[in-house]
Amino acid sequence: MLDKSFLDGNNAASLRYSTEKGWLFALPEVLMYEHFRKEDNRRTANMFKLHAIEDSVFILPGIGEMFRAEGENLKPATTFMPAKRIAFIVEQGPS
């Protein structure tokens, strides 16, 4: 599970190394929202780090969405709500 402090504390190379070792990363939807809501150098750098490992990152649905779906289907959300993949369209890296 990715969080802001983990992204801040790791560079793209170490994240790529982890994915080469088979790691998959879960990204809470709220963290993605937080990175798009405001713009600063750290958040921009984190977006490029995520871009470097996008094939191994899955966005988790919000907890409210999962609870509602579980109530409607009467079974755990993980059995019928797949995590979504992310895809970045980046023309050039940060300057």
PDB file of N, CA and C in Angstrom:
ATOM      1  N   MET A   1       0.850  -1.167   0.000  1.00  0.00           N
ATOM      2  CA  MET A   1       0.000   0.000   0.000  1.00  0.00           C
ATOM      3  C   MET A   1       0.898   1.233   0.000  1.00  0.00           C
ATOM      4  N   LEU A   2       0.727   2.068  -1.002  1.00  0.00           N
ATOM      5  CA  LEU A   2       1.528   3.289  -1.093  1.00  0.00           C
ATOM      6  C   LEU A   2       0.921   4.385  -0.236  1.00  0.00           C
ATOM      7  N   ASP A   3       1.774   5.157   0.375  1.00  0.00           N
ATOM      8  CA  ASP A   3       1.326   6.373   1.043  1.00  0.00           C
ATOM      9  C   ASP A   3       2.310   7.484   0.696  1.00  0.00           C
ATOM     10  N   LYS A   4       1.947   8.700   1.076  1.00  0.00           N
ATOM     11  CA  LYS A   4       2.745   9.861   0.677  1.00  0.00           C
ATOM     12  C   LYS A   4       4.170   9.796   1.218  1.00  0.00           C
ATOM     13  N   SER A   5       4.345   9.390   2.464  1.00  0.00           N
ATOM     14  CA  SER A   5       5.688   9.356   3.044  1.00  0.00           C
ATOM     15  C   SER A   5       6.563   8.297   2.361  1.00  0.00           C
ATOM     16  N   PHE A   6       5.964   7.175   1.947  1.00  0.00           N
ATOM     17  CA  PHE A   6       6.731   6.148   1.226  1.00  0.00           C
ATOM     18  C   PHE A   6       7.183   6.692  -0.122  1.00  0.00           C
ATOM     19  N   LEU A   7       6.283   7.366  -0.837  1.00  0.00           N
ATOM     20  CA  LEU A   7       6.661   7.956  -2.122  1.00  0.00           C
ATOM     21  C   LEU A   7       7.735   9.017  -1.946  1.00  0.00           C
ATOM     22  N   ASP A   8       7.583   9.852  -0.917  1.00  0.00           N
ATOM     23  CA  ASP A   8       8.569  10.903  -0.668  1.00  0.00           C
ATOM     24  C   ASP A   8       9.941  10.314  -0.333  1.00  0.00           C
ATOM     25  N   GLY A   9       9.965   9.177   0.344  1.00  0.00           N
ATOM     26  CA  GLY A   9      11.216   8.596   0.819  1.00  0.00           C
ATOM     27  C   GLY A   9      11.925   7.683  -0.168  1.00  0.00           C
ATOM     28  N   ASN A  10      11.313   7.413  -1.318  1.00  0.00           N
ATOM     29  CA  ASN A  10      11.922   6.525  -2.303  1.00  0.00           C
ATOM     30  C   ASN A  10      12.035   7.233  -3.644  1.00  0.00           C
ATOM     31  N   ASN A  11      13.087   6.934  -4.351  1.00  0.00           N
ATOM     32  CA  ASN A  11      13.219   7.509  -5.689  1.00  0.00           C
ATOM     33  C   ASN A  11      12.682   6.519  -6.722  1.00  0.00           C
ATOM     34  N   ALA A  12      12.573   6.968  -7.964  1.00  0.00           N
ATOM     35  CA  ALA A  12      12.009   6.134  -9.027  1.00  0.00           C
ATOM     36  C   ALA A  12      12.829   4.859  -9.231  1.00  0.00           C
ATOM     37  N   ALA A  13      14.141   4.959  -9.102  1.00  0.00           N
ATOM     38  CA  ALA A  13      14.993   3.784  -9.307  1.00  0.00           C
ATOM     39  C   ALA A  13      14.711   2.702  -8.259  1.00  0.00           C
ATOM     40  N   SER A  14      14.550   3.091  -7.000  1.00  0.00           N
ATOM     41  CA  SER A  14      14.276   2.080  -5.969  1.00  0.00           C
ATOM     42  C   SER A  14      12.880   1.478  -6.147  1.00  0.00           C
ATOM     43  N   LEU A  15      11.923   2.285  -6.613  1.00  0.00           N
ATOM     44  CA  LEU A  15      10.585   1.755  -6.875  1.00  0.00           C
ATOM     45  C   LEU A  15      10.617   0.783  -8.057  1.00  0.00           C
ATOM     46  N   ARG A  16      11.360   1.124  -9.110  1.00  0.00           N
ATOM     47  CA  ARG A  16      11.493   0.210 -10.255  1.00  0.00           C
ATOM     48  C   ARG A  16      12.164  -1.096  -9.834  1.00  0.00           C
ATOM     49  N   TYR A  17      13.170  -0.993  -8.965  1.00  0.00           N
ATOM     50  CA  TYR A  17      13.843  -2.194  -8.463  1.00  0.00           C
ATOM     51  C   TYR A  17      12.843  -3.097  -7.742  1.00  0.00           C
ATOM     52  N   SER A  18      11.981  -2.499  -6.927  1.00  0.00           N
ATOM     53  CA  SER A  18      10.966  -3.280  -6.213  1.00  0.00           C
ATOM     54  C   SER A  18      10.022  -3.983  -7.181  1.00  0.00           C
ATOM     55  N   THR A  19       9.622  -3.288  -8.242  1.00  0.00           N
ATOM     56  CA  THR A  19       8.723  -3.925  -9.216  1.00  0.00           C
ATOM     57  C   THR A  19       9.426  -5.052  -9.970  1.00  0.00           C
ATOM     58  N   GLU A  20      10.722  -4.899 -10.201  1.00  0.00           N
ATOM     59  CA  GLU A  20      11.484  -5.971 -10.850  1.00  0.00           C
ATOM     60  C   GLU A  20      11.539  -7.217  -9.969  1.00  0.00           C
ATOM     61  N   LYS A  21      11.435  -7.020  -8.675  1.00  0.00           N
ATOM     62  CA  LYS A  21      11.418  -8.139  -7.724  1.00  0.00           C
ATOM     63  C   LYS A  21      10.012  -8.701  -7.523  1.00  0.00           C
ATOM     64  N   GLY A  22       9.037  -8.161  -8.283  1.00  0.00           N
ATOM     65  CA  GLY A  22       7.684  -8.709  -8.235  1.00  0.00           C
ATOM     66  C   GLY A  22       6.686  -7.956  -7.367  1.00  0.00           C
ATOM     67  N   TRP A  23       7.085  -6.829  -6.820  1.00  0.00           N
ATOM     68  CA  TRP A  23       6.162  -6.067  -5.982  1.00  0.00           C
ATOM     69  C   TRP A  23       5.041  -5.469  -6.827  1.00  0.00           C
ATOM     70  N   LEU A  24       3.846  -5.439  -6.270  1.00  0.00           N
ATOM     71  CA  LEU A  24       2.718  -4.705  -6.820  1.00  0.00           C
ATOM     72  C   LEU A  24       2.335  -3.661  -5.784  1.00  0.00           C
ATOM     73  N   PHE A  25       1.960  -2.482  -6.237  1.00  0.00           N
ATOM     74  CA  PHE A  25       1.632  -1.398  -5.325  1.00  0.00           C
ATOM     75  C   PHE A  25       0.153  -1.048  -5.412  1.00  0.00           C
ATOM     76  N   ALA A  26      -0.473  -0.893  -4.266  1.00  0.00           N
ATOM     77  CA  ALA A  26      -1.865  -0.449  -4.182  1.00  0.00           C
ATOM     78  C   ALA A  26      -1.852   1.036  -3.834  1.00  0.00           C
ATOM     79  N   LEU A  27      -2.572   1.805  -4.597  1.00  0.00           N
ATOM     80  CA  LEU A  27      -2.624   3.254  -4.420  1.00  0.00           C
ATOM     81  C   LEU A  27      -4.045   3.644  -4.025  1.00  0.00           C
ATOM     82  N   PRO A  28      -4.249   4.128  -2.811  1.00  0.00           N
ATOM     83  CA  PRO A  28      -5.593   4.554  -2.428  1.00  0.00           C
ATOM     84  C   PRO A  28      -6.053   5.716  -3.317  1.00  0.00           C
ATOM     85  N   GLU A  29      -7.305   5.671  -3.717  1.00  0.00           N
ATOM     86  CA  GLU A  29      -7.863   6.705  -4.584  1.00  0.00           C
ATOM     87  C   GLU A  29      -7.676   8.102  -3.988  1.00  0.00           C
ATOM     88  N   VAL A  30      -7.783   8.209  -2.676  1.00  0.00           N
ATOM     89  CA  VAL A  30      -7.655   9.506  -2.015  1.00  0.00           C
ATOM     90  C   VAL A  30      -6.237  10.066  -2.156  1.00  0.00           C
ATOM     91  N   LEU A  31      -5.224   9.211  -2.205  1.00  0.00           N
ATOM     92  CA  LEU A  31      -3.851   9.684  -2.392  1.00  0.00           C
ATOM     93  C   LEU A  31      -3.666  10.241  -3.804  1.00  0.00           C
ATOM     94  N   MET A  32      -4.264   9.599  -4.781  1.00  0.00           N
ATOM     95  CA  MET A  32      -4.201  10.103  -6.143  1.00  0.00           C
ATOM     96  C   MET A  32      -4.885  11.471  -6.211  1.00  0.00           C
ATOM     97  N   TYR A  33      -6.045  11.589  -5.579  1.00  0.00           N
ATOM     98  CA  TYR A  33      -6.765  12.865  -5.545  1.00  0.00           C
ATOM     99  C   TYR A  33      -5.900  13.948  -4.898  1.00  0.00           C
ATOM    100  N   GLU A  34      -5.250  13.609  -3.789  1.00  0.00           N
ATOM    101  CA  GLU A  34      -4.414  14.581  -3.078  1.00  0.00           C
ATOM    102  C   GLU A  34      -3.284  15.101  -3.970  1.00  0.00           C
ATOM    103  N   HIS A  35      -2.730  14.233  -4.798  1.00  0.00           N
ATOM    104  CA  HIS A  35      -1.632  14.658  -5.664  1.00  0.00           C
ATOM    105  C   HIS A  35      -2.094  15.516  -6.840  1.00  0.00           C
ATOM    106  N   PHE A  36      -3.352  15.374  -7.249  1.00  0.00           N
ATOM    107  CA  PHE A  36      -3.864  16.210  -8.332  1.00  0.00           C
ATOM    108  C   PHE A  36      -4.526  17.486  -7.833  1.00  0.00           C
ATOM    109  N   ARG A  37      -4.900  17.502  -6.559  1.00  0.00           N
ATOM    110  CA  ARG A  37      -5.619  18.645  -5.989  1.00  0.00           C
ATOM    111  C   ARG A  37      -4.728  19.876  -5.861  1.00  0.00           C
ATOM    112  N   LYS A  38      -3.507  19.686  -5.445  1.00  0.00           N
ATOM    113  CA  LYS A  38      -2.560  20.789  -5.279  1.00  0.00           C
ATOM    114  C   LYS A  38      -1.325  20.503  -6.107  1.00  0.00           C
ATOM    115  N   GLU A  39      -0.644  21.569  -6.469  1.00  0.00           N
ATOM    116  CA  GLU A  39       0.582  21.380  -7.236  1.00  0.00           C
ATOM    117  C   GLU A  39       1.752  21.964  -6.459  1.00  0.00           C
ATOM    118  N   ASP A  40       2.738  21.135  -6.218  1.00  0.00           N
ATOM    119  CA  ASP A  40       4.005  21.587  -5.661  1.00  0.00           C
ATOM    120  C   ASP A  40       5.084  20.626  -6.158  1.00  0.00           C
ATOM    121  N   ASN A  41       6.324  20.966  -5.927  1.00  0.00           N
ATOM    122  CA  ASN A  41       7.434  20.174  -6.482  1.00  0.00           C
ATOM    123  C   ASN A  41       7.433  18.729  -5.997  1.00  0.00           C
ATOM    124  N   ARG A  42       7.099  18.515  -4.731  1.00  0.00           N
ATOM    125  CA  ARG A  42       7.124  17.158  -4.174  1.00  0.00           C
ATOM    126  C   ARG A  42       6.028  16.295  -4.806  1.00  0.00           C
ATOM    127  N   ARG A  43       4.830  16.844  -4.929  1.00  0.00           N
ATOM    128  CA  ARG A  43       3.741  16.079  -5.546  1.00  0.00           C
ATOM    129  C   ARG A  43       4.034  15.792  -7.022  1.00  0.00           C
ATOM    130  N   THR A  44       4.598  16.768  -7.717  1.00  0.00           N
ATOM    131  CA  THR A  44       4.958  16.556  -9.118  1.00  0.00           C
ATOM    132  C   THR A  44       6.002  15.453  -9.231  1.00  0.00           C
ATOM    133  N   ALA A  45       6.997  15.466  -8.367  1.00  0.00           N
ATOM    134  CA  ALA A  45       8.030  14.418  -8.373  1.00  0.00           C
ATOM    135  C   ALA A  45       7.405  13.053  -8.104  1.00  0.00           C
ATOM    136  N   ASN A  46       6.458  12.991  -7.167  1.00  0.00           N
ATOM    137  CA  ASN A  46       5.791  11.725  -6.863  1.00  0.00           C
ATOM    138  C   ASN A  46       5.009  11.194  -8.060  1.00  0.00           C
ATOM    139  N   MET A  47       4.396  12.088  -8.830  1.00  0.00           N
ATOM    140  CA  MET A  47       3.654  11.648 -10.011  1.00  0.00           C
ATOM    141  C   MET A  47       4.605  11.021 -11.035  1.00  0.00           C
ATOM    142  N   PHE A  48       5.800  11.578 -11.180  1.00  0.00           N
ATOM    143  CA  PHE A  48       6.772  10.989 -12.099  1.00  0.00           C
ATOM    144  C   PHE A  48       7.316   9.665 -11.562  1.00  0.00           C
ATOM    145  N   LYS A  49       7.406   9.538 -10.247  1.00  0.00           N
ATOM    146  CA  LYS A  49       7.806   8.253  -9.663  1.00  0.00           C
ATOM    147  C   LYS A  49       6.746   7.196  -9.968  1.00  0.00           C
ATOM    148  N   LEU A  50       5.478   7.570  -9.821  1.00  0.00           N
ATOM    149  CA  LEU A  50       4.397   6.632 -10.128  1.00  0.00           C
ATOM    150  C   LEU A  50       4.401   6.267 -11.615  1.00  0.00           C
ATOM    151  N   HIS A  51       4.694   7.234 -12.442  1.00  0.00           N
ATOM    152  CA  HIS A  51       4.765   6.966 -13.873  1.00  0.00           C
ATOM    153  C   HIS A  51       5.837   5.921 -14.171  1.00  0.00           C
ATOM    154  N   ALA A  52       6.929   5.953 -13.435  1.00  0.00           N
ATOM    155  CA  ALA A  52       8.031   5.012 -13.651  1.00  0.00           C
ATOM    156  C   ALA A  52       7.625   3.567 -13.347  1.00  0.00           C
ATOM    157  N   ILE A  53       6.598   3.372 -12.510  1.00  0.00           N
ATOM    158  CA  ILE A  53       6.195   2.017 -12.121  1.00  0.00           C
ATOM    159  C   ILE A  53       4.718   1.754 -12.435  1.00  0.00           C
ATOM    160  N   GLU A  54       4.147   2.514 -13.357  1.00  0.00           N
ATOM    161  CA  GLU A  54       2.693   2.463 -13.570  1.00  0.00           C
ATOM    162  C   GLU A  54       2.163   1.068 -13.893  1.00  0.00           C
ATOM    163  N   ASP A  55       2.962   0.195 -14.485  1.00  0.00           N
ATOM    164  CA  ASP A  55       2.482  -1.158 -14.782  1.00  0.00           C
ATOM    165  C   ASP A  55       2.272  -1.999 -13.528  1.00  0.00           C
ATOM    166  N   SER A  56       2.800  -1.559 -12.404  1.00  0.00           N
ATOM    167  CA  SER A  56       2.692  -2.318 -11.158  1.00  0.00           C
ATOM    168  C   SER A  56       1.872  -1.590 -10.097  1.00  0.00           C
ATOM    169  N   VAL A  57       1.126  -0.556 -10.502  1.00  0.00           N
ATOM    170  CA  VAL A  57       0.329   0.221  -9.550  1.00  0.00           C
ATOM    171  C   VAL A  57      -1.154   0.034  -9.859  1.00  0.00           C
ATOM    172  N   PHE A  58      -1.923  -0.247  -8.822  1.00  0.00           N
ATOM    173  CA  PHE A  58      -3.366  -0.399  -8.946  1.00  0.00           C
ATOM    174  C   PHE A  58      -4.048   0.611  -8.029  1.00  0.00           C
ATOM    175  N   ILE A  59      -5.075   1.264  -8.537  1.00  0.00           N
ATOM    176  CA  ILE A  59      -5.830   2.226  -7.718  1.00  0.00           C
ATOM    177  C   ILE A  59      -6.948   1.478  -7.008  1.00  0.00           C
ATOM    178  N   LEU A  60      -6.984   1.618  -5.693  1.00  0.00           N
ATOM    179  CA  LEU A  60      -8.044   1.005  -4.909  1.00  0.00           C
ATOM    180  C   LEU A  60      -9.260   1.925  -4.872  1.00  0.00           C
ATOM    181  N   PRO A  61     -10.451   1.382  -4.945  1.00  0.00           N
ATOM    182  CA  PRO A  61     -11.637   2.228  -4.835  1.00  0.00           C
ATOM    183  C   PRO A  61     -11.723   2.839  -3.438  1.00  0.00           C
ATOM    184  N   GLY A  62     -12.479   3.920  -3.323  1.00  0.00           N
ATOM    185  CA  GLY A  62     -12.677   4.555  -2.023  1.00  0.00           C
ATOM    186  C   GLY A  62     -13.425   3.643  -1.070  1.00  0.00           C
ATOM    187  N   ILE A  63     -13.171   3.782   0.218  1.00  0.00           N
ATOM    188  CA  ILE A  63     -13.781   2.897   1.213  1.00  0.00           C
ATOM    189  C   ILE A  63     -15.305   3.025   1.215  1.00  0.00           C
ATOM    190  N   GLY A  64     -15.816   4.231   0.995  1.00  0.00           N
ATOM    191  CA  GLY A  64     -17.269   4.410   0.942  1.00  0.00           C
ATOM    192  C   GLY A  64     -17.881   3.650  -0.212  1.00  0.00           C
ATOM    193  N   GLU A  65     -17.235   3.723  -1.363  1.00  0.00           N
ATOM    194  CA  GLU A  65     -17.701   2.991  -2.549  1.00  0.00           C
ATOM    195  C   GLU A  65     -17.688   1.484  -2.293  1.00  0.00           C
ATOM    196  N   MET A  66     -16.651   1.009  -1.607  1.00  0.00           N
ATOM    197  CA  MET A  66     -16.557  -0.417  -1.311  1.00  0.00           C
ATOM    198  C   MET A  66     -17.649  -0.846  -0.337  1.00  0.00           C
ATOM    199  N   PHE A  67     -17.907  -0.057   0.718  1.00  0.00           N
ATOM    200  CA  PHE A  67     -18.956  -0.397   1.687  1.00  0.00           C
ATOM    201  C   PHE A  67     -20.332  -0.441   1.020  1.00  0.00           C
ATOM    202  N   ARG A  68     -20.612   0.558   0.166  1.00  0.00           N
ATOM    203  CA  ARG A  68     -21.912   0.570  -0.529  1.00  0.00           C
ATOM    204  C   ARG A  68     -22.070  -0.664  -1.407  1.00  0.00           C
ATOM    205  N   ALA A  69     -21.017  -1.010  -2.149  1.00  0.00           N
ATOM    206  CA  ALA A  69     -21.069  -2.168  -3.040  1.00  0.00           C
ATOM    207  C   ALA A  69     -21.238  -3.467  -2.248  1.00  0.00           C
ATOM    208  N   GLU A  70     -20.565  -3.560  -1.104  1.00  0.00           N
ATOM    209  CA  GLU A  70     -20.714  -4.760  -0.274  1.00  0.00           C
ATOM    210  C   GLU A  70     -22.140  -4.891   0.249  1.00  0.00           C
ATOM    211  N   GLY A  71     -22.747  -3.758   0.638  1.00  0.00           N
ATOM    212  CA  GLY A  71     -24.125  -3.787   1.124  1.00  0.00           C
ATOM    213  C   GLY A  71     -25.097  -4.214   0.033  1.00  0.00           C
ATOM    214  N   GLU A  72     -24.852  -3.770  -1.182  1.00  0.00           N
ATOM    215  CA  GLU A  72     -25.735  -4.123  -2.295  1.00  0.00           C
ATOM    216  C   GLU A  72     -25.567  -5.574  -2.738  1.00  0.00           C
ATOM    217  N   ASN A  73     -24.335  -6.085  -2.662  1.00  0.00           N
ATOM    218  CA  ASN A  73     -24.053  -7.433  -3.160  1.00  0.00           C
ATOM    219  C   ASN A  73     -23.948  -8.492  -2.067  1.00  0.00           C
ATOM    220  N   LEU A  74     -23.903  -8.063  -0.816  1.00  0.00           N
ATOM    221  CA  LEU A  74     -23.812  -8.963   0.340  1.00  0.00           C
ATOM    222  C   LEU A  74     -22.630  -9.931   0.266  1.00  0.00           C
ATOM    223  N   LYS A  75     -21.503  -9.412  -0.232  1.00  0.00           N
ATOM    224  CA  LYS A  75     -20.253 -10.167  -0.207  1.00  0.00           C
ATOM    225  C   LYS A  75     -19.095  -9.191  -0.241  1.00  0.00           C
ATOM    226  N   PRO A  76     -17.880  -9.635   0.117  1.00  0.00           N
ATOM    227  CA  PRO A  76     -16.726  -8.728   0.172  1.00  0.00           C
ATOM    228  C   PRO A  76     -16.453  -8.063  -1.177  1.00  0.00           C
ATOM    229  N   ALA A  77     -16.125  -6.791  -1.130  1.00  0.00           N
ATOM    230  CA  ALA A  77     -15.867  -6.017  -2.345  1.00  0.00           C
ATOM    231  C   ALA A  77     -14.731  -6.611  -3.169  1.00  0.00           C
ATOM    232  N   THR A  78     -13.771  -7.228  -2.519  1.00  0.00           N
ATOM    233  CA  THR A  78     -12.626  -7.785  -3.251  1.00  0.00           C
ATOM    234  C   THR A  78     -13.021  -8.923  -4.177  1.00  0.00           C
ATOM    235  N   THR A  79     -14.194  -9.509  -3.976  1.00  0.00           N
ATOM    236  CA  THR A  79     -14.616 -10.616  -4.835  1.00  0.00           C
ATOM    237  C   THR A  79     -15.257 -10.153  -6.132  1.00  0.00           C
ATOM    238  N   PHE A  80     -15.644  -8.868  -6.218  1.00  0.00           N
ATOM    239  CA  PHE A  80     -16.296  -8.414  -7.445  1.00  0.00           C
ATOM    240  C   PHE A  80     -15.872  -7.016  -7.899  1.00  0.00           C
ATOM    241  N   MET A  81     -15.027  -6.334  -7.152  1.00  0.00           N
ATOM    242  CA  MET A  81     -14.543  -5.008  -7.539  1.00  0.00           C
ATOM    243  C   MET A  81     -13.050  -5.067  -7.809  1.00  0.00           C
ATOM    244  N   PRO A  82     -12.650  -5.252  -9.044  1.00  0.00           N
ATOM    245  CA  PRO A  82     -11.211  -5.297  -9.323  1.00  0.00           C
ATOM    246  C   PRO A  82     -10.587  -3.910  -9.189  1.00  0.00           C
ATOM    247  N   ALA A  83      -9.341  -3.880  -8.777  1.00  0.00           N
ATOM    248  CA  ALA A  83      -8.605  -2.616  -8.718  1.00  0.00           C
ATOM    249  C   ALA A  83      -8.300  -2.176 -10.146  1.00  0.00           C
ATOM    250  N   LYS A  84      -8.254  -0.867 -10.355  1.00  0.00           N
ATOM    251  CA  LYS A  84      -7.993  -0.326 -11.686  1.00  0.00           C
ATOM    252  C   LYS A  84      -6.503  -0.061 -11.845  1.00  0.00           C
ATOM    253  N   ARG A  85      -6.017  -0.217 -13.048  1.00  0.00           N
ATOM    254  CA  ARG A  85      -4.626   0.141 -13.348  1.00  0.00           C
ATOM    255  C   ARG A  85      -4.557   1.635 -13.621  1.00  0.00           C
ATOM    256  N   ILE A  86      -3.380   2.196 -13.447  1.00  0.00           N
ATOM    257  CA  ILE A  86      -3.192   3.594 -13.798  1.00  0.00           C
ATOM    258  C   ILE A  86      -2.388   3.673 -15.086  1.00  0.00           C
ATOM    259  N   ALA A  87      -2.536   4.773 -15.784  1.00  0.00           N
ATOM    260  CA  ALA A  87      -1.750   5.012 -16.995  1.00  0.00           C
ATOM    261  C   ALA A  87      -1.507   6.509 -17.090  1.00  0.00           C
ATOM    262  N   PHE A  88      -0.260   6.877 -17.223  1.00  0.00           N
ATOM    263  CA  PHE A  88       0.127   8.277 -17.337  1.00  0.00           C
ATOM    264  C   PHE A  88       0.492   8.583 -18.774  1.00  0.00           C
ATOM    265  N   ILE A  89       0.148   9.751 -19.202  1.00  0.00           N
ATOM    266  CA  ILE A  89       0.579  10.238 -20.508  1.00  0.00           C
ATOM    267  C   ILE A  89       1.495  11.420 -20.202  1.00  0.00           C
ATOM    268  N   VAL A  90       2.783  11.156 -20.271  1.00  0.00           N
ATOM    269  CA  VAL A  90       3.767  12.160 -19.894  1.00  0.00           C
ATOM    270  C   VAL A  90       4.683  12.407 -21.085  1.00  0.00           C
ATOM    271  N   GLU A  91       4.758  13.657 -21.509  1.00  0.00           N
ATOM    272  CA  GLU A  91       5.588  13.981 -22.659  1.00  0.00           C
ATOM    273  C   GLU A  91       7.043  14.215 -22.266  1.00  0.00           C
ATOM    274  N   GLN A  92       7.263  14.810 -21.104  1.00  0.00           N
ATOM    275  CA  GLN A  92       8.630  15.001 -20.644  1.00  0.00           C
ATOM    276  C   GLN A  92       8.638  15.061 -19.129  1.00  0.00           C
ATOM    277  N   GLY A  93       9.784  14.739 -18.552  1.00  0.00           N
ATOM    278  CA  GLY A  93       9.912  14.728 -17.111  1.00  0.00           C
ATOM    279  C   GLY A  93      10.031  16.117 -16.534  1.00  0.00           C
ATOM    280  N   PRO A  94      10.101  16.211 -15.219  1.00  0.00           N
ATOM    281  CA  PRO A  94      10.245  17.519 -14.593  1.00  0.00           C
ATOM    282  C   PRO A  94      11.576  18.170 -14.964  1.00  0.00           C
ATOM    283  N   SER A  95      11.565  19.453 -15.056  1.00  0.00           N
ATOM    284  CA  SER A  95      12.804  20.146 -15.412  1.00  0.00           C
ATOM    285  C   SER A  95      13.571  20.545 -14.174  1.00  0.00           C
TER     286      SER A  95
END
